[in-house]
Structure formats: C-alpha cells, structure tokens
Amino acid sequence: MHPTATQPATVHIPARVRRQVWRRDHGMCQWPLETGEICGSTTCCDQERVEPRALGGPPTAANVRVLCDFHNDLAARRAFGGTFVGGAIESRRRRAALQ
C-alpha cells in the first residue's frame, strides 16, 4: 500500500522487521552483482528500503534489505540522481560543521 496525503510513509522501520531482515540477510550486503552473486560485505552495513520511503516504499521485510554504505549510496544515486544525492550529502556536511 502506498502512502496518501493522510497516510504518510513511515520513516521508522519497526524493530521486529529490522531483526527479521538482519537474520534473513545474515547481516551481509544483498546488492546483486553481475556474476549473480551478492556483494556479501559485512562492513558498514545498514538496512535500507528497496523502494525508497520517498517513493512510497513501506517498512516491511519484503521491501527492506541489508546494504553496505557503498551500495546504499549507489542505490540512492540510481533512484534520485547523482546531483540530488551529492547535494544532500553536502548539506549534511555543512549542517554538521555548524554544530
């Protein structure tokens, strides 16, 4: 189900979903490689949505996967474009420098 004006996409991924996804993905990056394998990295991994929240992606186990930082960045650039993602990263850096 996609969000509507009265039902926004949830930012939070429930703890039960996070536990289920971490067990299912064995804490390894699930980015598919050209070889048919997955990345498999366990370094700097987090859980991210396959269909981004901004595009209506729900916080369900079917729509959440473990990705390493590199592949999470690549997924964001594919979904939103490099210029947008680069600008968002720069904005975060500027805000962090002001704190």
C-alpha atoms as a PDB file:
ATOM      1  CA  MET A   1       0.000   0.000   0.000  1.00  0.00           C
ATOM      2  CA  HIS A   2       1.383   3.401  -0.956  1.00  0.00           C
ATOM      3  CA  PRO A   3       1.074   6.441   1.327  1.00  0.00           C
ATOM      4  CA  THR A   4      -1.579   9.047   0.697  1.00  0.00           C
ATOM      5  CA  ALA A   5      -1.913  12.651   1.837  1.00  0.00           C
ATOM      6  CA  THR A   6      -3.481  11.376   5.072  1.00  0.00           C
ATOM      7  CA  GLN A   7      -1.168   8.379   5.433  1.00  0.00           C
ATOM      8  CA  PRO A   8       2.496   9.352   5.024  1.00  0.00           C
ATOM      9  CA  ALA A   9       5.252   6.790   4.506  1.00  0.00           C
ATOM     10  CA  THR A  10       6.673   5.695   7.852  1.00  0.00           C
ATOM     11  CA  VAL A  11      10.254   6.803   8.466  1.00  0.00           C
ATOM     12  CA  HIS A  12      10.806   4.201  11.155  1.00  0.00           C
ATOM     13  CA  ILE A  13      11.455   0.551  10.352  1.00  0.00           C
ATOM     14  CA  PRO A  14       9.943  -1.445  13.239  1.00  0.00           C
ATOM     15  CA  ALA A  15      12.369  -3.414  15.413  1.00  0.00           C
ATOM     16  CA  ARG A  16      10.673  -6.738  14.559  1.00  0.00           C
ATOM     17  CA  VAL A  17      11.182  -6.029  10.839  1.00  0.00           C
ATOM     18  CA  ARG A  18      14.816  -5.000  11.406  1.00  0.00           C
ATOM     19  CA  ARG A  19      15.504  -8.250  13.325  1.00  0.00           C
ATOM     20  CA  GLN A  20      13.770 -10.365  10.670  1.00  0.00           C
ATOM     21  CA  VAL A  21      15.702  -8.720   7.813  1.00  0.00           C
ATOM     22  CA  TRP A  22      19.070  -8.938   9.637  1.00  0.00           C
ATOM     23  CA  ARG A  23      18.545 -12.681  10.244  1.00  0.00           C
ATOM     24  CA  ARG A  24      17.290 -13.318   6.703  1.00  0.00           C
ATOM     25  CA  ASP A  25      20.209 -11.434   5.101  1.00  0.00           C
ATOM     26  CA  HIS A  26      22.780 -12.753   7.617  1.00  0.00           C
ATOM     27  CA  GLY A  27      23.982  -9.171   8.193  1.00  0.00           C
ATOM     28  CA  MET A  28      25.511  -9.131   4.676  1.00  0.00           C
ATOM     29  CA  CYS A  29      25.057  -6.639   1.839  1.00  0.00           C
ATOM     30  CA  GLN A  30      22.451  -8.030  -0.572  1.00  0.00           C
ATOM     31  CA  TRP A  31      23.433  -5.929  -3.605  1.00  0.00           C
ATOM     32  CA  PRO A  32      23.266  -8.201  -6.677  1.00  0.00           C
ATOM     33  CA  LEU A  33      26.489  -8.403  -8.693  1.00  0.00           C
ATOM     34  CA  GLU A  34      26.834  -9.084 -12.422  1.00  0.00           C
ATOM     35  CA  THR A  35      28.088 -12.577 -11.587  1.00  0.00           C
ATOM     36  CA  GLY A  36      24.755 -13.457  -9.992  1.00  0.00           C
ATOM     37  CA  GLU A  37      26.319 -13.408  -6.521  1.00  0.00           C
ATOM     38  CA  ILE A  38      25.635 -10.757  -3.878  1.00  0.00           C
ATOM     39  CA  CYS A  39      28.183  -8.261  -2.525  1.00  0.00           C
ATOM     40  CA  GLY A  40      28.210 -10.052   0.849  1.00  0.00           C
ATOM     41  CA  SER A  41      30.100  -7.308   2.693  1.00  0.00           C
ATOM     42  CA  THR A  42      29.554  -7.157   6.446  1.00  0.00           C
ATOM     43  CA  THR A  43      31.381  -3.829   6.837  1.00  0.00           C
ATOM     44  CA  CYS A  44      29.386  -0.613   7.364  1.00  0.00           C
ATOM     45  CA  CYS A  45      26.051  -2.295   6.639  1.00  0.00           C
ATOM     46  CA  ASP A  46      22.607  -0.981   7.451  1.00  0.00           C
ATOM     47  CA  GLN A  47      19.057  -1.749   6.455  1.00  0.00           C
ATOM     48  CA  GLU A  48      17.571   0.192   3.570  1.00  0.00           C
ATOM     49  CA  ARG A  49      14.383   0.012   1.544  1.00  0.00           C
ATOM     50  CA  VAL A  50      14.359  -1.487  -1.943  1.00  0.00           C
ATOM     51  CA  GLU A  51      11.686   1.036  -2.968  1.00  0.00           C
ATOM     52  CA  PRO A  52      12.745   4.234  -1.143  1.00  0.00           C
ATOM     53  CA  ARG A  53      10.495   5.774   1.502  1.00  0.00           C
ATOM     54  CA  ALA A  54      10.339   8.987  -0.543  1.00  0.00           C
ATOM     55  CA  LEU A  55       8.767   6.970  -3.359  1.00  0.00           C
ATOM     56  CA  GLY A  56       6.261   5.256  -1.067  1.00  0.00           C
ATOM     57  CA  GLY A  57       8.264   2.186  -0.067  1.00  0.00           C
ATOM     58  CA  PRO A  58       6.778   0.526   3.019  1.00  0.00           C
ATOM     59  CA  PRO A  59       8.797  -0.534   6.094  1.00  0.00           C
ATOM     60  CA  THR A  60       8.156  -4.254   5.522  1.00  0.00           C
ATOM     61  CA  ALA A  61      10.570  -7.169   5.436  1.00  0.00           C
ATOM     62  CA  ALA A  62       9.729  -7.659   1.761  1.00  0.00           C
ATOM     63  CA  ASN A  63      10.893  -4.102   0.992  1.00  0.00           C
ATOM     64  CA  VAL A  64      13.915  -3.870   3.321  1.00  0.00           C
ATOM     65  CA  ARG A  65      17.385  -5.309   2.719  1.00  0.00           C
ATOM     66  CA  VAL A  66      20.872  -5.040   4.178  1.00  0.00           C
ATOM     67  CA  LEU A  67      23.253  -2.886   2.113  1.00  0.00           C
ATOM     68  CA  CYS A  68      26.811  -1.725   2.690  1.00  0.00           C
ATOM     69  CA  ASP A  69      27.474   2.036   2.565  1.00  0.00           C
ATOM     70  CA  PHE A  70      28.868   1.847  -0.980  1.00  0.00           C
ATOM     71  CA  HIS A  71      25.842   0.053  -2.406  1.00  0.00           C
ATOM     72  CA  ASN A  72      23.389   2.148  -0.377  1.00  0.00           C
ATOM     73  CA  ASP A  73      24.935   5.259  -1.990  1.00  0.00           C
ATOM     74  CA  LEU A  74      24.727   3.629  -5.426  1.00  0.00           C
ATOM     75  CA  ALA A  75      21.051   2.702  -4.889  1.00  0.00           C
ATOM     76  CA  ALA A  76      20.241   6.291  -3.845  1.00  0.00           C
ATOM     77  CA  ARG A  77      22.029   7.713  -6.896  1.00  0.00           C
ATOM     78  CA  ARG A  78      20.084   5.360  -9.178  1.00  0.00           C
ATOM     79  CA  ALA A  79      16.763   6.269  -7.545  1.00  0.00           C
ATOM     80  CA  PHE A  80      17.246  10.038  -7.216  1.00  0.00           C
ATOM     81  CA  GLY A  81      20.202  11.010  -9.404  1.00  0.00           C
ATOM     82  CA  GLY A  82      23.791  11.872  -8.557  1.00  0.00           C
ATOM     83  CA  THR A  83      23.235  15.624  -8.414  1.00  0.00           C
ATOM     84  CA  PHE A  84      20.441  15.332  -5.854  1.00  0.00           C
ATOM     85  CA  VAL A  85      22.331  12.837  -3.678  1.00  0.00           C
ATOM     86  CA  GLY A  86      25.556  14.848  -3.876  1.00  0.00           C
ATOM     87  CA  GLY A  87      23.689  17.983  -2.807  1.00  0.00           C
ATOM     88  CA  ALA A  88      22.069  16.167   0.112  1.00  0.00           C
ATOM     89  CA  ILE A  89      25.453  14.873   1.291  1.00  0.00           C
ATOM     90  CA  GLU A  90      26.959  18.351   1.061  1.00  0.00           C
ATOM     91  CA  SER A  91      24.043  19.841   3.037  1.00  0.00           C
ATOM     92  CA  ARG A  92      24.582  17.279   5.814  1.00  0.00           C
ATOM     93  CA  ARG A  93      28.283  18.089   5.940  1.00  0.00           C
ATOM     94  CA  ARG A  94      27.558  21.821   6.236  1.00  0.00           C
ATOM     95  CA  ARG A  95      24.985  21.284   8.996  1.00  0.00           C
ATOM     96  CA  ALA A  96      27.379  19.011  10.901  1.00  0.00           C
ATOM     97  CA  ALA A  97      30.154  21.637  10.644  1.00  0.00           C
ATOM     98  CA  LEU A  98      27.862  24.245  12.220  1.00  0.00           C
ATOM     99  CA  GLN A  99      27.125  22.099  15.289  1.00  0.00           C
END
